[in-house]
PDB file of N, CA and C in Angstrom:
ATOM      1  N   MET A   1       8.658  -9.399 -11.026  1.00  0.00           N
ATOM      2  CA  MET A   1       9.450 -10.474 -10.486  1.00  0.00           C
ATOM      3  C   MET A   1       7.745 -10.767  -9.704  1.00  0.00           C
ATOM      4  N   LYS A   2       7.175 -12.484  -9.293  1.00  0.00           N
ATOM      5  CA  LYS A   2       6.674 -13.001  -8.296  1.00  0.00           C
ATOM      6  C   LYS A   2       7.407 -13.804  -7.264  1.00  0.00           C
ATOM      7  N   ILE A   3       7.678 -13.783  -6.030  1.00  0.00           N
ATOM      8  CA  ILE A   3       7.770 -14.691  -5.105  1.00  0.00           C
ATOM      9  C   ILE A   3       6.818 -15.162  -4.220  1.00  0.00           C
ATOM     10  N   ALA A   4       7.049 -16.425  -4.166  1.00  0.00           N
ATOM     11  CA  ALA A   4       6.185 -17.124  -3.047  1.00  0.00           C
ATOM     12  C   ALA A   4       7.062 -17.673  -2.079  1.00  0.00           C
ATOM     13  N   ILE A   5       6.624 -17.230  -0.977  1.00  0.00           N
ATOM     14  CA  ILE A   5       7.209 -17.955   0.439  1.00  0.00           C
ATOM     15  C   ILE A   5       6.159 -19.405   0.684  1.00  0.00           C
ATOM     16  N   LEU A   6       6.735 -20.464   1.303  1.00  0.00           N
ATOM     17  CA  LEU A   6       5.420 -21.283   1.347  1.00  0.00           C
ATOM     18  C   LEU A   6       5.794 -21.670   2.997  1.00  0.00           C
ATOM     19  N   ASP A   7       4.780 -22.310   3.169  1.00  0.00           N
ATOM     20  CA  ASP A   7       4.724 -22.819   4.633  1.00  0.00           C
ATOM     21  C   ASP A   7       4.989 -21.913   6.112  1.00  0.00           C
ATOM     22  N   ASP A   8       4.731 -20.974   5.621  1.00  0.00           N
ATOM     23  CA  ASP A   8       5.268 -20.049   6.852  1.00  0.00           C
ATOM     24  C   ASP A   8       3.720 -20.067   8.034  1.00  0.00           C
ATOM     25  N   TYR A   9       3.836 -20.741   8.359  1.00  0.00           N
ATOM     26  CA  TYR A   9       2.642 -21.145   9.430  1.00  0.00           C
ATOM     27  C   TYR A   9       2.693 -20.013  10.740  1.00  0.00           C
ATOM     28  N   GLN A  10       3.931 -19.639  11.125  1.00  0.00           N
ATOM     29  CA  GLN A  10       4.180 -19.249  12.396  1.00  0.00           C
ATOM     30  C   GLN A  10       3.561 -17.353  11.683  1.00  0.00           C
ATOM     31  N   ASN A  11       4.009 -17.453  10.497  1.00  0.00           N
ATOM     32  CA  ASN A  11       3.891 -15.886   9.921  1.00  0.00           C
ATOM     33  C   ASN A  11       4.835 -15.120  10.585  1.00  0.00           C
ATOM     34  N   VAL A  12       6.231 -15.543  10.206  1.00  0.00           N
ATOM     35  CA  VAL A  12       7.377 -14.822  10.723  1.00  0.00           C
ATOM     36  C   VAL A  12       8.015 -14.196   9.383  1.00  0.00           C
ATOM     37  N   ALA A  13       8.131 -14.839   8.329  1.00  0.00           N
ATOM     38  CA  ALA A  13       9.140 -14.816   7.570  1.00  0.00           C
ATOM     39  C   ALA A  13       9.380 -13.156   7.333  1.00  0.00           C
ATOM     40  N   LEU A  14       8.415 -12.782   7.200  1.00  0.00           N
ATOM     41  CA  LEU A  14       8.851 -11.049   6.601  1.00  0.00           C
ATOM     42  C   LEU A  14       8.872 -10.483   7.691  1.00  0.00           C
ATOM     43  N   GLN A  15       9.079 -10.595   9.317  1.00  0.00           N
ATOM     44  CA  GLN A  15       9.545 -10.085  10.134  1.00  0.00           C
ATOM     45  C   GLN A  15      11.279 -10.824  10.593  1.00  0.00           C
ATOM     46  N   MET A  16      11.362 -11.736   9.778  1.00  0.00           N
ATOM     47  CA  MET A  16      12.805 -12.188  10.437  1.00  0.00           C
ATOM     48  C   MET A  16      14.054 -11.769   9.661  1.00  0.00           C
ATOM     49  N   ALA A  17      13.534 -10.482   8.714  1.00  0.00           N
ATOM     50  CA  ALA A  17      14.367 -10.016   7.944  1.00  0.00           C
ATOM     51  C   ALA A  17      14.256  -8.397   7.224  1.00  0.00           C
ATOM     52  N   ASP A  18      15.131  -7.860   6.608  1.00  0.00           N
ATOM     53  CA  ASP A  18      14.905  -6.708   6.048  1.00  0.00           C
ATOM     54  C   ASP A  18      14.529  -6.718   4.459  1.00  0.00           C
ATOM     55  N   TRP A  19      13.177  -6.671   4.508  1.00  0.00           N
ATOM     56  CA  TRP A  19      13.026  -7.026   2.857  1.00  0.00           C
ATOM     57  C   TRP A  19      12.482  -5.946   1.946  1.00  0.00           C
ATOM     58  N   THR A  20      12.805  -4.663   2.441  1.00  0.00           N
ATOM     59  CA  THR A  20      12.969  -3.105   1.705  1.00  0.00           C
ATOM     60  C   THR A  20      13.324  -3.280   0.352  1.00  0.00           C
ATOM     61  N   VAL A  21      14.335  -4.039   0.326  1.00  0.00           N
ATOM     62  CA  VAL A  21      14.641  -4.114  -1.743  1.00  0.00           C
ATOM     63  C   VAL A  21      14.420  -4.834  -1.803  1.00  0.00           C
ATOM     64  N   ILE A  22      13.876  -6.328  -1.532  1.00  0.00           N
ATOM     65  CA  ILE A  22      13.002  -7.164  -2.124  1.00  0.00           C
ATOM     66  C   ILE A  22      11.492  -6.592  -2.634  1.00  0.00           C
ATOM     67  N   PHE A  23      10.885  -5.942  -1.774  1.00  0.00           N
ATOM     68  CA  PHE A  23       9.995  -5.268  -1.981  1.00  0.00           C
ATOM     69  C   PHE A  23       9.906  -4.164  -3.140  1.00  0.00           C
ATOM     70  N   ARG A  24      10.873  -3.608  -3.284  1.00  0.00           N
ATOM     71  CA  ARG A  24      11.104  -2.322  -4.593  1.00  0.00           C
ATOM     72  C   ARG A  24      10.956  -3.173  -5.785  1.00  0.00           C
ATOM     73  N   ARG A  25      11.439  -4.485  -5.887  1.00  0.00           N
ATOM     74  CA  ARG A  25      11.642  -5.462  -7.451  1.00  0.00           C
ATOM     75  C   ARG A  25      10.645  -6.461  -7.567  1.00  0.00           C
ATOM     76  N   ALA A  26       9.651  -6.802  -6.198  1.00  0.00           N
ATOM     77  CA  ALA A  26       9.479  -7.833  -6.455  1.00  0.00           C
ATOM     78  C   ALA A  26       8.002  -8.083  -5.492  1.00  0.00           C
ATOM     79  N   GLU A  27       7.158  -8.683  -6.262  1.00  0.00           N
ATOM     80  CA  GLU A  27       5.679  -8.927  -5.245  1.00  0.00           C
ATOM     81  C   GLU A  27       6.078 -10.097  -4.690  1.00  0.00           C
ATOM     82  N   VAL A  28       6.001  -9.821  -3.346  1.00  0.00           N
ATOM     83  CA  VAL A  28       6.100 -11.477  -2.576  1.00  0.00           C
ATOM     84  C   VAL A  28       4.497 -11.557  -1.815  1.00  0.00           C
ATOM     85  N   THR A  29       4.307 -12.989  -1.819  1.00  0.00           N
ATOM     86  CA  THR A  29       3.105 -13.731  -1.477  1.00  0.00           C
ATOM     87  C   THR A  29       3.378 -14.579  -0.405  1.00  0.00           C
ATOM     88  N   VAL A  30       3.194 -14.673   0.931  1.00  0.00           N
ATOM     89  CA  VAL A  30       3.653 -15.369   1.542  1.00  0.00           C
ATOM     90  C   VAL A  30       2.230 -16.244   2.059  1.00  0.00           C
ATOM     91  N   PHE A  31       2.506 -17.884   1.934  1.00  0.00           N
ATOM     92  CA  PHE A  31       1.297 -19.027   2.167  1.00  0.00           C
ATOM     93  C   PHE A  31       1.462 -19.408   3.476  1.00  0.00           C
ATOM     94  N   ASN A  32       0.465 -19.314   4.634  1.00  0.00           N
ATOM     95  CA  ASN A  32       0.407 -19.698   5.849  1.00  0.00           C
ATOM     96  C   ASN A  32       0.202 -21.138   5.877  1.00  0.00           C
ATOM     97  N   ASP A  33      -0.215 -21.824   5.030  1.00  0.00           N
ATOM     98  CA  ASP A  33      -1.202 -22.936   5.142  1.00  0.00           C
ATOM     99  C   ASP A  33      -0.209 -23.990   4.271  1.00  0.00           C
ATOM    100  N   HIS A  34      -0.625 -25.155   4.195  1.00  0.00           N
ATOM    101  CA  HIS A  34       0.200 -26.237   3.579  1.00  0.00           C
ATOM    102  C   HIS A  34      -0.522 -27.060   2.788  1.00  0.00           C
ATOM    103  N   LEU A  35      -0.165 -27.293   1.569  1.00  0.00           N
ATOM    104  CA  LEU A  35      -0.628 -27.947   0.942  1.00  0.00           C
ATOM    105  C   LEU A  35       0.214 -29.391   0.434  1.00  0.00           C
ATOM    106  N   SER A  36      -0.411 -30.593   0.721  1.00  0.00           N
ATOM    107  CA  SER A  36       0.085 -31.942   0.385  1.00  0.00           C
ATOM    108  C   SER A  36      -0.124 -32.734  -1.248  1.00  0.00           C
ATOM    109  N   ASP A  37      -1.171 -31.892  -1.660  1.00  0.00           N
ATOM    110  CA  ASP A  37      -1.446 -32.345  -2.945  1.00  0.00           C
ATOM    111  C   ASP A  37      -0.442 -31.705  -3.847  1.00  0.00           C
ATOM    112  N   PRO A  38       0.203 -32.740  -4.973  1.00  0.00           N
ATOM    113  CA  PRO A  38       1.209 -32.052  -5.596  1.00  0.00           C
ATOM    114  C   PRO A  38       0.311 -31.296  -6.821  1.00  0.00           C
ATOM    115  N   ASP A  39      -0.505 -31.633  -7.656  1.00  0.00           N
ATOM    116  CA  ASP A  39      -1.142 -31.055  -8.201  1.00  0.00           C
ATOM    117  C   ASP A  39      -1.881 -29.381  -7.844  1.00  0.00           C
ATOM    118  N   ALA A  40      -2.202 -29.651  -6.254  1.00  0.00           N
ATOM    119  CA  ALA A  40      -2.242 -28.363  -5.680  1.00  0.00           C
ATOM    120  C   ALA A  40      -1.120 -27.187  -5.240  1.00  0.00           C
ATOM    121  N   VAL A  41      -0.430 -27.701  -5.671  1.00  0.00           N
ATOM    122  CA  VAL A  41       0.997 -27.238  -5.405  1.00  0.00           C
ATOM    123  C   VAL A  41       1.698 -26.568  -6.511  1.00  0.00           C
ATOM    124  N   VAL A  42       1.906 -27.382  -7.452  1.00  0.00           N
ATOM    125  CA  VAL A  42       2.084 -26.871  -9.141  1.00  0.00           C
ATOM    126  C   VAL A  42       0.764 -25.769  -9.042  1.00  0.00           C
ATOM    127  N   ARG A  43      -0.525 -25.651  -9.011  1.00  0.00           N
ATOM    128  CA  ARG A  43      -1.776 -24.904  -9.571  1.00  0.00           C
ATOM    129  C   ARG A  43      -1.193 -23.870  -8.433  1.00  0.00           C
ATOM    130  N   ARG A  44      -0.350 -23.598  -7.188  1.00  0.00           N
ATOM    131  CA  ARG A  44      -0.352 -22.632  -6.595  1.00  0.00           C
ATOM    132  C   ARG A  44       0.852 -21.866  -7.095  1.00  0.00           C
ATOM    133  N   LEU A  45       2.091 -22.480  -7.920  1.00  0.00           N
ATOM    134  CA  LEU A  45       3.110 -21.935  -7.377  1.00  0.00           C
ATOM    135  C   LEU A  45       3.557 -21.391  -9.297  1.00  0.00           C
ATOM    136  N   GLU A  46       2.742 -21.920 -10.097  1.00  0.00           N
ATOM    137  CA  GLU A  46       2.576 -21.433 -11.717  1.00  0.00           C
ATOM    138  C   GLU A  46       3.010 -20.189 -11.573  1.00  0.00           C
ATOM    139  N   PRO A  47       2.333 -19.105 -10.621  1.00  0.00           N
ATOM    140  CA  PRO A  47       2.521 -17.673 -11.638  1.00  0.00           C
ATOM    141  C   PRO A  47       3.403 -17.510 -10.764  1.00  0.00           C
ATOM    142  N   PHE A  48       4.605 -17.735 -10.081  1.00  0.00           N
ATOM    143  CA  PHE A  48       5.484 -17.406  -8.765  1.00  0.00           C
ATOM    144  C   PHE A  48       7.137 -17.357 -10.123  1.00  0.00           C
ATOM    145  N   ASP A  49       7.629 -16.689 -10.008  1.00  0.00           N
ATOM    146  CA  ASP A  49       9.107 -17.075 -10.496  1.00  0.00           C
ATOM    147  C   ASP A  49      10.315 -17.385  -9.474  1.00  0.00           C
ATOM    148  N   VAL A  50       9.940 -17.208  -8.233  1.00  0.00           N
ATOM    149  CA  VAL A  50      11.018 -17.342  -7.075  1.00  0.00           C
ATOM    150  C   VAL A  50       9.964 -18.142  -6.019  1.00  0.00           C
ATOM    151  N   VAL A  51      10.444 -19.317  -5.512  1.00  0.00           N
ATOM    152  CA  VAL A  51       9.679 -19.705  -4.797  1.00  0.00           C
ATOM    153  C   VAL A  51      10.927 -20.289  -3.357  1.00  0.00           C
ATOM    154  N   CYS A  52      10.410 -19.461  -2.098  1.00  0.00           N
ATOM    155  CA  CYS A  52      11.019 -19.801  -0.816  1.00  0.00           C
ATOM    156  C   CYS A  52      10.525 -20.695  -0.157  1.00  0.00           C
ATOM    157  N   VAL A  53      11.220 -21.525   0.557  1.00  0.00           N
ATOM    158  CA  VAL A  53      10.296 -22.731   1.346  1.00  0.00           C
ATOM    159  C   VAL A  53      10.808 -22.560   2.888  1.00  0.00           C
ATOM    160  N   MET A  54      10.072 -22.129   3.494  1.00  0.00           N
ATOM    161  CA  MET A  54      10.420 -22.013   5.159  1.00  0.00           C
ATOM    162  C   MET A  54      10.487 -23.603   6.191  1.00  0.00           C
ATOM    163  N   ARG A  55      10.013 -23.977   5.211  1.00  0.00           N
ATOM    164  CA  ARG A  55       9.568 -25.373   5.984  1.00  0.00           C
ATOM    165  C   ARG A  55       9.877 -26.688   4.930  1.00  0.00           C
ATOM    166  N   GLU A  56      10.324 -27.935   5.500  1.00  0.00           N
ATOM    167  CA  GLU A  56      10.423 -28.995   4.725  1.00  0.00           C
ATOM    168  C   GLU A  56       8.778 -29.539   4.407  1.00  0.00           C
ATOM    169  N   ARG A  57       7.889 -29.032   4.913  1.00  0.00           N
ATOM    170  CA  ARG A  57       6.608 -29.628   4.514  1.00  0.00           C
ATOM    171  C   ARG A  57       5.937 -29.539   2.943  1.00  0.00           C
ATOM    172  N   THR A  58       6.340 -29.059   2.012  1.00  0.00           N
ATOM    173  CA  THR A  58       5.519 -29.040   0.809  1.00  0.00           C
ATOM    174  C   THR A  58       6.243 -30.273   0.411  1.00  0.00           C
ATOM    175  N   PRO A  59       5.781 -30.889  -0.570  1.00  0.00           N
ATOM    176  CA  PRO A  59       6.472 -32.404  -0.661  1.00  0.00           C
ATOM    177  C   PRO A  59       7.071 -31.790  -2.474  1.00  0.00           C
ATOM    178  N   LEU A  60       8.033 -30.953  -2.356  1.00  0.00           N
ATOM    179  CA  LEU A  60       8.760 -30.236  -3.800  1.00  0.00           C
ATOM    180  C   LEU A  60       9.372 -31.486  -4.317  1.00  0.00           C
ATOM    181  N   ARG A  61       9.895 -32.596  -3.480  1.00  0.00           N
ATOM    182  CA  ARG A  61      10.787 -33.828  -3.627  1.00  0.00           C
ATOM    183  C   ARG A  61      10.049 -34.859  -4.949  1.00  0.00           C
ATOM    184  N   SER A  62       8.478 -34.970  -3.956  1.00  0.00           N
ATOM    185  CA  SER A  62       7.633 -35.934  -4.552  1.00  0.00           C
ATOM    186  C   SER A  62       7.154 -35.618  -5.641  1.00  0.00           C
ATOM    187  N   LEU A  63       6.960 -34.361  -6.385  1.00  0.00           N
ATOM    188  CA  LEU A  63       6.432 -33.933  -7.694  1.00  0.00           C
ATOM    189  C   LEU A  63       7.228 -34.722  -8.924  1.00  0.00           C
ATOM    190  N   ASP A  64       6.069 -35.263  -9.141  1.00  0.00           N
ATOM    191  CA  ASP A  64       7.066 -36.247 -10.404  1.00  0.00           C
ATOM    192  C   ASP A  64       7.232 -35.233 -11.494  1.00  0.00           C
ATOM    193  N   ALA A  65       7.729 -35.979 -12.857  1.00  0.00           N
ATOM    194  CA  ALA A  65       8.565 -35.385 -13.810  1.00  0.00           C
ATOM    195  C   ALA A  65       7.505 -34.366 -14.239  1.00  0.00           C
ATOM    196  N   ASP A  66       6.452 -34.861 -14.744  1.00  0.00           N
ATOM    197  CA  ASP A  66       5.336 -34.329 -15.026  1.00  0.00           C
ATOM    198  C   ASP A  66       4.817 -32.687 -14.298  1.00  0.00           C
ATOM    199  N   HIS A  67       4.819 -32.856 -12.964  1.00  0.00           N
ATOM    200  CA  HIS A  67       4.576 -31.736 -12.313  1.00  0.00           C
ATOM    201  C   HIS A  67       5.862 -30.424 -12.660  1.00  0.00           C
ATOM    202  N   ARG A  68       7.208 -31.202 -12.392  1.00  0.00           N
ATOM    203  CA  ARG A  68       8.083 -30.486 -12.019  1.00  0.00           C
ATOM    204  C   ARG A  68       8.504 -29.768 -13.393  1.00  0.00           C
ATOM    205  N   ASP A  69       8.054 -30.386 -15.040  1.00  0.00           N
ATOM    206  CA  ASP A  69       7.655 -29.572 -16.035  1.00  0.00           C
ATOM    207  C   ASP A  69       6.535 -28.644 -16.175  1.00  0.00           C
ATOM    208  N   ASP A  70       5.801 -28.645 -15.748  1.00  0.00           N
ATOM    209  CA  ASP A  70       4.419 -27.828 -15.161  1.00  0.00           C
ATOM    210  C   ASP A  70       4.897 -26.494 -14.800  1.00  0.00           C
ATOM    211  N   LEU A  71       6.005 -26.726 -13.708  1.00  0.00           N
ATOM    212  CA  LEU A  71       6.676 -25.575 -13.196  1.00  0.00           C
ATOM    213  C   LEU A  71       7.255 -24.604 -14.126  1.00  0.00           C
ATOM    214  N   GLY A  72       7.998 -24.895 -15.093  1.00  0.00           N
ATOM    215  CA  GLY A  72       8.712 -24.811 -15.667  1.00  0.00           C
ATOM    216  C   GLY A  72      10.485 -25.376 -15.373  1.00  0.00           C
ATOM    217  N   PRO A  73      11.578 -24.479 -16.167  1.00  0.00           N
ATOM    218  CA  PRO A  73      12.507 -24.945 -15.697  1.00  0.00           C
ATOM    219  C   PRO A  73      13.345 -24.835 -14.641  1.00  0.00           C
ATOM    220  N   HIS A  74      14.190 -25.852 -14.267  1.00  0.00           N
ATOM    221  CA  HIS A  74      15.382 -25.476 -13.071  1.00  0.00           C
ATOM    222  C   HIS A  74      15.681 -24.238 -13.227  1.00  0.00           C
ATOM    223  N   PRO A  75      15.905 -23.467 -11.645  1.00  0.00           N
ATOM    224  CA  PRO A  75      16.537 -22.024 -12.007  1.00  0.00           C
ATOM    225  C   PRO A  75      17.663 -21.792 -12.525  1.00  0.00           C
ATOM    226  N   ARG A  76      18.691 -23.382 -12.401  1.00  0.00           N
ATOM    227  CA  ARG A  76      19.546 -22.846 -13.248  1.00  0.00           C
ATOM    228  C   ARG A  76      19.617 -22.858 -14.209  1.00  0.00           C
ATOM    229  N   GLN A  77      18.576 -23.396 -15.042  1.00  0.00           N
ATOM    230  CA  GLN A  77      18.300 -23.093 -16.268  1.00  0.00           C
ATOM    231  C   GLN A  77      17.330 -22.148 -16.881  1.00  0.00           C
ATOM    232  N   ARG A  78      17.466 -21.338 -16.177  1.00  0.00           N
ATOM    233  CA  ARG A  78      16.356 -19.832 -16.269  1.00  0.00           C
ATOM    234  C   ARG A  78      17.482 -18.783 -16.773  1.00  0.00           C
ATOM    235  N   THR A  79      17.269 -18.144 -17.795  1.00  0.00           N
ATOM    236  CA  THR A  79      18.082 -16.956 -17.918  1.00  0.00           C
ATOM    237  C   THR A  79      18.058 -15.951 -16.873  1.00  0.00           C
ATOM    238  N   LYS A  80      19.009 -15.223 -16.959  1.00  0.00           N
ATOM    239  CA  LYS A  80      18.966 -14.462 -15.493  1.00  0.00           C
ATOM    240  C   LYS A  80      18.321 -12.966 -15.880  1.00  0.00           C
ATOM    241  N   HIS A  81      17.731 -12.501 -14.988  1.00  0.00           N
ATOM    242  CA  HIS A  81      16.745 -11.187 -15.317  1.00  0.00           C
ATOM    243  C   HIS A  81      17.820 -10.457 -14.408  1.00  0.00           C
ATOM    244  N   ARG A  82      18.351  -8.847 -15.165  1.00  0.00           N
ATOM    245  CA  ARG A  82      18.594  -8.261 -14.560  1.00  0.00           C
ATOM    246  C   ARG A  82      18.565  -6.510 -14.784  1.00  0.00           C
TER     247      ARG A  82
END
């Protein structure tokens, strides 16, 4: 499983909690920069299964239907991995 943490411009996400259990089960990538271009956001997130949003800076709501389709089904629509 691949997890993306967005907009951690203070570089604190991995210090604010114990991620040990997560690191055993997933590959975590932290992005410190901000992307405002919806196409760039989609390209960045395509390889990830989980997206954690640190701030409200990334325009996820502004992605149109085509962009959302590129990211795959809504998490509630995905089959749970066990």
